[in-house]
Amino acid sequence: MRPILMKGHERPLTFLKYNREGDLLFSCAKDHNPTVWFADNGERLGTYRGHNGAVWCCDVSRDSMRLITGSADQTVKLWNVQSGIPLFTFNFDSPARSVDFSVGDKLAVITTDPFMGVTSAIHVKRIASDPANQTAESALVIRGPQGRINRAVWGPLNNTIISAGEDSVIRIWDSETGKLLKTSDIEAGHKKAITSLAKSADGSHFLTGSHDKSAKLWDVRTLTLIKTYTTERPVNAVSMSPLLDHVVLGGGQDASAVTTTDHRAGKFEAKFYDKILQEEIGGVKGHFGPINALAFNPDGKSFSSGGEDGYVRLHHFDQDYFHIKI
């Protein structure tokens, strides 16, 4: 399995997202320019220029026509995917950390960071089908818990919003009223900041990764803990295979340990676990720095990782990957 090395970002990667067909891969980085690539051969198609700060997150509509990006420049932008033209800008009072389109792309959930006395918040925006009719007003604002909310996504049927972040608690909110419906169990939950959250292909469960060196699988409706995957490193990124019962975790190391590891080997690996048995089944090495972003292609036959080293590595699985036995 030879990875395709995709070099286009000058700064560390922050987020990766495939479109629904799996033919395009969108990457976000700290270098202000989200980029779109062909997902089969890693060819760079273009960049989306207009942000003035690190871009933390993106999402693409179901028809692959619209891209939404959230940035440290305190804006969220909507783009035309094909032309790269910015269609609309939402302005906030603090950096925008996470963006997620609802099913049907009529709504977007956006999280903003605590900043200069402003608390973290979850915003729901209506997305107009015609950009000319787009307005900036929020359908709902939830003033969030303490600390940064690193990720918020839509629950089943867009009825709920699931958020997770620095205070290590997962919360489920009513997306109509903003009422807090459920919080994750303190005992079962993460012990340190939650860095990442990924839903399963069918939306019935989701995976969280944390600095406490573990990833956890949760039921999306009851917020029951299903599985825990433990590793030796803080987890920065998680993803779930839509095809097989595999989860992949990517991470880094504590800053104090950076100088003690061998700098020549690309020591930072994406670790694969059996979703059911919670056993490690393999790893893919290669990044020269922590892995910050992971995404599975919707067909489950390839995955990509984005690192602190500024590279996106695209891996098409060999045939034997599909027959791993434990």
Protein backbone atom coordinates (compact mmCIF):
# COMPACT_ATOMS: atom_id res chain seq x y z
CA MET A 1 0.00 0.00 0.00
CA ARG A 2 2.00 2.93 -1.29
CA PRO A 3 0.64 6.20 -0.02
CA ILE A 4 0.15 9.14 -2.34
CA LEU A 5 1.83 12.17 -0.82
CA MET A 6 -0.15 15.34 -1.37
CA LYS A 7 1.82 18.49 -0.81
CA GLY A 8 -0.03 21.76 -1.07
CA HIS A 9 -0.29 23.15 2.42
CA GLU A 10 2.48 25.16 4.00
CA ARG A 11 1.24 24.69 7.54
CA PRO A 12 -0.13 21.82 9.65
CA LEU A 13 -3.35 20.12 8.51
CA THR A 14 -6.43 20.58 10.67
CA PHE A 15 -9.27 18.70 8.94
CA LEU A 16 -10.09 16.36 6.04
CA LYS A 17 -13.47 15.72 4.45
CA TYR A 18 -14.56 13.60 1.47
CA ASN A 19 -17.65 14.49 -0.54
CA ARG A 20 -20.47 11.94 -0.62
CA GLU A 21 -19.36 10.32 -3.87
CA GLY A 22 -15.83 10.00 -2.56
CA ASP A 23 -14.23 11.48 -5.68
CA LEU A 24 -13.14 14.75 -4.01
CA LEU A 25 -11.15 15.32 -0.84
CA PHE A 26 -11.23 18.69 0.92
CA SER A 27 -8.40 19.63 3.25
CA CYS A 28 -8.12 22.45 5.80
CA ALA A 29 -4.90 23.72 7.31
CA LYS A 30 -3.42 26.56 9.29
CA ASP A 31 -2.30 28.24 6.05
CA HIS A 32 -5.65 30.01 5.34
CA ASN A 33 -6.38 28.15 2.07
CA PRO A 34 -8.73 25.15 2.07
CA THR A 35 -7.84 22.89 -0.84
CA VAL A 36 -9.70 20.35 -2.97
CA TRP A 37 -8.01 17.25 -4.45
CA PHE A 38 -8.98 14.36 -6.68
CA ALA A 39 -9.42 11.51 -4.22
CA ASP A 40 -8.18 8.74 -6.51
CA ASN A 41 -4.78 10.09 -7.62
CA GLY A 42 -4.21 12.99 -5.22
CA GLU A 43 -4.13 15.65 -7.93
CA ARG A 44 -4.74 19.15 -6.60
CA LEU A 45 -7.77 20.76 -8.23
CA GLY A 46 -7.75 24.14 -6.55
CA THR A 47 -7.83 26.28 -3.44
CA TYR A 48 -10.45 28.47 -1.82
CA ARG A 49 -8.88 31.86 -1.18
CA GLY A 50 -10.44 34.40 1.13
CA HIS A 51 -9.83 33.41 4.74
CA ASN A 52 -7.38 35.41 6.78
CA GLY A 53 -6.51 32.87 9.46
CA ALA A 54 -6.12 29.17 10.14
CA VAL A 55 -9.04 27.14 8.79
CA TRP A 56 -10.17 24.66 11.42
CA CYS A 57 -12.98 22.73 9.78
CA CYS A 58 -15.04 22.23 6.64
CA ASP A 59 -18.04 20.36 5.32
CA VAL A 60 -19.38 19.78 1.82
CA SER A 61 -23.03 19.57 0.78
CA ARG A 62 -24.58 16.32 -0.39
CA ASP A 63 -24.61 17.46 -4.03
CA SER A 64 -20.93 18.58 -3.80
CA MET A 65 -21.90 22.11 -4.87
CA ARG A 66 -21.29 24.00 -1.62
CA LEU A 67 -18.37 24.05 0.76
CA ILE A 68 -18.57 25.56 4.24
CA THR A 69 -15.40 26.48 6.14
CA GLY A 70 -14.78 27.75 9.67
CA SER A 71 -11.73 29.83 10.46
CA ALA A 72 -9.73 31.52 13.20
CA ASP A 73 -10.37 34.82 11.39
CA GLN A 74 -13.80 34.78 13.12
CA THR A 75 -15.72 33.96 9.96
CA VAL A 76 -17.49 31.01 8.37
CA LYS A 77 -17.63 31.11 4.58
CA LEU A 78 -19.85 29.36 2.04
CA TRP A 79 -18.15 28.59 -1.28
CA ASN A 80 -19.09 27.42 -4.73
CA VAL A 81 -17.11 24.17 -4.94
CA GLN A 82 -16.55 24.32 -8.71
CA SER A 83 -15.57 27.95 -9.13
CA GLY A 84 -13.94 28.61 -5.75
CA ILE A 85 -15.96 31.81 -5.41
CA PRO A 86 -17.03 32.74 -1.86
CA LEU A 87 -20.83 32.97 -1.81
CA PHE A 88 -21.43 34.27 1.70
CA THR A 89 -19.57 35.13 4.93
CA PHE A 90 -20.96 34.70 8.44
CA ASN A 91 -19.14 36.96 10.94
CA PHE A 92 -18.67 36.07 14.59
CA ASP A 93 -17.06 37.61 17.68
CA SER A 94 -14.58 34.77 18.11
CA PRO A 95 -12.82 32.07 16.05
CA ALA A 96 -15.10 29.51 14.35
CA ARG A 97 -13.96 26.01 15.27
CA SER A 98 -16.39 23.49 13.79
CA VAL A 99 -18.93 23.41 10.94
CA ASP A 100 -21.39 20.69 9.94
CA PHE A 101 -24.21 20.64 7.36
CA SER A 102 -27.49 19.04 8.40
CA VAL A 103 -29.08 16.21 6.44
CA GLY A 104 -30.62 18.05 3.48
CA ASP A 105 -28.11 20.93 3.74
CA LYS A 106 -30.80 23.40 4.87
CA LEU A 107 -29.03 24.09 8.16
CA ALA A 108 -25.47 24.32 9.41
CA VAL A 109 -24.22 24.03 12.98
CA ILE A 110 -21.21 26.19 13.80
CA THR A 111 -19.21 26.37 17.04
CA THR A 112 -17.26 29.43 18.13
CA ASP A 113 -14.43 29.57 20.65
CA PRO A 114 -14.27 31.39 23.96
CA PHE A 115 -12.43 34.65 23.24
CA MET A 116 -11.86 37.98 25.05
CA GLY A 117 -14.67 37.44 27.52
CA VAL A 118 -17.04 35.80 25.01
CA THR A 119 -18.06 32.25 26.00
CA SER A 120 -18.02 29.36 23.56
CA ALA A 121 -21.27 28.95 21.62
CA ILE A 122 -23.12 26.70 19.20
CA HIS A 123 -24.89 28.54 16.35
CA VAL A 124 -27.47 27.10 13.96
CA LYS A 125 -27.70 28.95 10.64
CA ARG A 126 -30.30 28.46 7.91
CA ILE A 127 -28.61 27.81 4.57
CA ALA A 128 -30.56 29.25 1.63
CA SER A 129 -30.76 27.17 -1.55
CA ASP A 130 -30.07 30.37 -3.51
CA PRO A 131 -26.98 32.23 -2.21
CA ALA A 132 -28.63 35.54 -3.14
CA ASN A 133 -31.21 34.95 -0.38
CA GLN A 134 -28.69 33.96 2.28
CA THR A 135 -28.95 35.84 5.59
CA ALA A 136 -26.58 35.97 8.54
CA GLU A 137 -29.10 35.55 11.34
CA SER A 138 -28.97 32.53 13.61
CA ALA A 139 -31.93 30.18 13.96
CA LEU A 140 -30.58 29.21 17.39
CA VAL A 141 -27.63 30.12 19.61
CA ILE A 142 -26.63 27.90 22.53
CA ARG A 143 -24.21 29.62 24.89
CA GLY A 144 -21.92 26.78 25.56
CA PRO A 145 -20.24 25.15 28.51
CA GLN A 146 -16.84 26.16 29.81
CA GLY A 147 -13.84 25.83 27.52
CA ARG A 148 -13.66 25.31 23.81
CA ILE A 149 -16.17 23.16 21.92
CA ASN A 150 -13.96 21.28 19.47
CA ARG A 151 -16.72 19.62 17.47
CA ALA A 152 -20.48 19.76 17.06
CA VAL A 153 -22.45 17.59 14.63
CA TRP A 154 -26.09 16.86 13.85
CA GLY A 155 -27.84 13.89 15.45
CA PRO A 156 -30.46 11.67 13.77
CA LEU A 157 -33.05 13.52 11.63
CA ASN A 158 -31.44 16.84 12.62
CA ASN A 159 -33.41 16.69 15.89
CA THR A 160 -30.34 16.97 18.07
CA ILE A 161 -26.85 18.48 18.11
CA ILE A 162 -23.98 16.54 19.65
CA SER A 163 -21.10 18.62 21.02
CA ALA A 164 -17.79 17.73 22.64
CA GLY A 165 -14.73 19.67 23.63
CA GLU A 166 -12.17 20.75 26.20
CA ASP A 167 -14.23 19.95 29.31
CA SER A 168 -14.26 16.26 28.22
CA VAL A 169 -18.07 16.01 28.41
CA ILE A 170 -20.26 15.03 25.45
CA ARG A 171 -23.57 16.87 25.36
CA ILE A 172 -26.71 16.28 23.29
CA TRP A 173 -28.88 19.35 22.70
CA ASP A 174 -32.37 19.77 21.25
CA SER A 175 -31.77 21.54 17.92
CA GLU A 176 -35.15 23.35 18.04
CA THR A 177 -35.11 24.73 21.58
CA GLY A 178 -31.43 24.54 22.54
CA LYS A 179 -32.33 22.55 25.65
CA LEU A 180 -29.65 20.25 27.05
CA LEU A 181 -31.00 16.69 26.76
CA LYS A 182 -28.13 14.44 27.80
CA THR A 183 -24.56 14.58 29.07
CA SER A 184 -22.04 11.75 28.99
CA ASP A 185 -21.45 9.79 32.19
CA ILE A 186 -18.49 11.17 34.18
CA GLU A 187 -17.23 7.68 35.08
CA ALA A 188 -17.54 6.19 31.58
CA GLY A 189 -16.49 9.36 29.76
CA HIS A 190 -13.17 10.83 28.74
CA LYS A 191 -10.80 12.17 31.39
CA LYS A 192 -9.19 14.90 29.27
CA ALA A 193 -10.15 17.21 26.40
CA ILE A 194 -12.05 15.64 23.49
CA THR A 195 -10.30 16.55 20.24
CA SER A 196 -12.38 14.86 17.59
CA LEU A 197 -15.75 13.30 16.87
CA ALA A 198 -16.83 11.17 13.91
CA LYS A 199 -20.22 9.63 13.15
CA SER A 200 -20.75 6.17 11.70
CA ALA A 201 -21.97 5.92 8.12
CA ASP A 202 -25.52 5.08 9.27
CA GLY A 203 -25.48 7.75 11.98
CA SER A 204 -26.42 5.32 14.76
CA HIS A 205 -23.22 5.70 16.77
CA PHE A 206 -20.21 7.98 16.93
CA LEU A 207 -16.58 7.91 17.96
CA THR A 208 -14.70 10.45 20.08
CA GLY A 209 -10.94 10.85 20.47
CA SER A 210 -9.28 12.50 23.43
CA HIS A 211 -6.00 13.65 24.96
CA ASP A 212 -6.55 10.93 27.60
CA LYS A 213 -5.04 8.50 25.04
CA SER A 214 -8.28 6.76 24.20
CA ALA A 215 -11.17 6.79 21.77
CA LYS A 216 -14.70 5.86 22.76
CA LEU A 217 -17.71 4.64 20.78
CA TRP A 218 -21.13 5.95 21.86
CA ASP A 219 -24.76 5.30 21.00
CA VAL A 220 -26.08 8.45 19.35
CA ARG A 221 -29.56 8.38 20.91
CA THR A 222 -28.92 7.16 24.46
CA LEU A 223 -25.31 8.35 24.83
CA THR A 224 -24.41 4.93 26.21
CA LEU A 225 -20.73 4.00 26.05
CA ILE A 226 -20.32 1.00 23.73
CA LYS A 227 -16.54 0.50 23.33
CA THR A 228 -13.22 2.03 24.39
CA TYR A 229 -9.99 1.87 22.38
CA THR A 230 -6.82 2.65 24.31
CA THR A 231 -3.53 3.75 22.78
CA GLU A 232 -0.17 5.14 23.97
CA ARG A 233 -0.56 8.63 22.57
CA PRO A 234 -2.99 11.51 22.85
CA VAL A 235 -5.63 11.05 20.11
CA ASN A 236 -6.11 14.04 17.77
CA ALA A 237 -8.23 12.45 15.05
CA VAL A 238 -10.64 9.54 14.67
CA SER A 239 -12.50 7.97 11.77
CA MET A 240 -14.69 4.91 11.17
CA SER A 241 -14.68 2.64 8.17
CA PRO A 242 -18.04 2.67 6.36
CA LEU A 243 -17.29 -0.79 4.97
CA LEU A 244 -15.67 -2.90 7.70
CA ASP A 245 -15.81 -2.91 11.48
CA HIS A 246 -12.64 -0.85 11.76
CA VAL A 247 -11.87 2.38 13.55
CA VAL A 248 -8.71 4.37 12.94
CA LEU A 249 -7.07 6.69 15.45
CA GLY A 250 -4.36 9.26 14.76
CA GLY A 251 -2.45 11.19 17.30
CA GLY A 252 0.62 12.85 18.57
CA GLN A 253 2.64 12.98 21.68
CA ASP A 254 3.08 15.32 24.56
CA ALA A 255 5.32 18.24 23.69
CA SER A 256 7.84 17.14 26.33
CA ALA A 257 8.47 13.90 24.43
CA VAL A 258 9.06 15.42 21.01
CA THR A 259 12.85 15.61 21.31
CA THR A 260 13.24 12.09 22.68
CA THR A 261 11.83 10.16 19.73
CA ASP A 262 13.79 9.28 16.64
CA HIS A 263 13.26 12.14 14.18
CA ARG A 264 14.22 10.16 11.08
CA ALA A 265 11.50 7.54 11.11
CA GLY A 266 8.03 8.80 10.33
CA LYS A 267 7.01 7.47 13.72
CA PHE A 268 3.53 8.85 13.78
CA GLU A 269 1.07 6.21 12.74
CA ALA A 270 -2.62 5.86 12.14
CA LYS A 271 -3.65 2.88 14.25
CA PHE A 272 -6.44 0.56 13.14
CA TYR A 273 -8.61 -1.20 15.69
CA ASP A 274 -11.29 -3.85 15.38
CA LYS A 275 -14.47 -1.95 16.26
CA ILE A 276 -16.08 -4.90 18.06
CA LEU A 277 -13.12 -6.62 19.73
CA GLN A 278 -11.30 -3.34 20.56
CA GLU A 279 -8.02 -4.96 19.46
CA GLU A 280 -5.34 -3.18 17.47
CA ILE A 281 -5.09 -4.77 14.01
CA GLY A 282 -2.42 -2.66 12.37
CA GLY A 283 -0.89 0.73 11.82
CA VAL A 284 0.13 2.97 8.95
CA LYS A 285 3.28 4.95 9.62
CA GLY A 286 4.64 7.87 7.70
CA HIS A 287 3.93 11.31 9.11
CA PHE A 288 6.80 13.35 10.57
CA GLY A 289 4.69 14.84 13.30
CA PRO A 290 1.36 14.24 15.00
CA ILE A 291 -1.64 13.25 12.87
CA ASN A 292 -4.29 15.97 13.11
CA ALA A 293 -6.90 14.76 10.64
CA LEU A 294 -8.25 11.43 9.37
CA ALA A 295 -11.00 10.54 6.91
CA PHE A 296 -12.26 7.35 5.30
CA ASN A 297 -13.43 7.45 1.71
CA PRO A 298 -17.21 6.74 1.70
CA ASP A 299 -16.51 3.51 -0.24
CA GLY A 300 -14.23 2.28 2.55
CA LYS A 301 -11.46 1.36 0.10
CA SER A 302 -9.08 4.20 0.93
CA PHE A 303 -8.35 6.65 3.70
CA SER A 304 -6.36 9.82 4.10
CA SER A 305 -4.44 11.38 6.96
CA GLY A 306 -3.26 14.93 7.49
CA GLY A 307 -0.32 15.78 9.69
CA GLU A 308 1.47 18.50 11.58
CA ASP A 309 4.09 18.09 8.81
CA GLY A 310 1.79 19.77 6.25
CA TYR A 311 1.28 16.63 4.14
CA VAL A 312 -1.87 14.76 3.27
CA ARG A 313 -1.17 11.06 2.80
CA LEU A 314 -3.71 9.16 0.71
CA HIS A 315 -3.77 5.39 1.15
CA HIS A 316 -5.59 2.99 -1.16
CA PHE A 317 -5.93 -0.33 0.67
CA ASP A 318 -4.39 -3.53 -0.70
CA GLN A 319 -6.71 -6.48 -1.26
CA ASP A 320 -5.52 -8.31 1.87
CA TYR A 321 -6.74 -5.45 4.07
CA PHE A 322 -10.29 -6.60 3.37
CA HIS A 323 -9.58 -10.07 4.75
CA ILE A 324 -7.86 -9.28 8.04
CA LYS A 325 -8.67 -11.98 10.60
CA ILE A 326 -8.06 -11.69 14.30
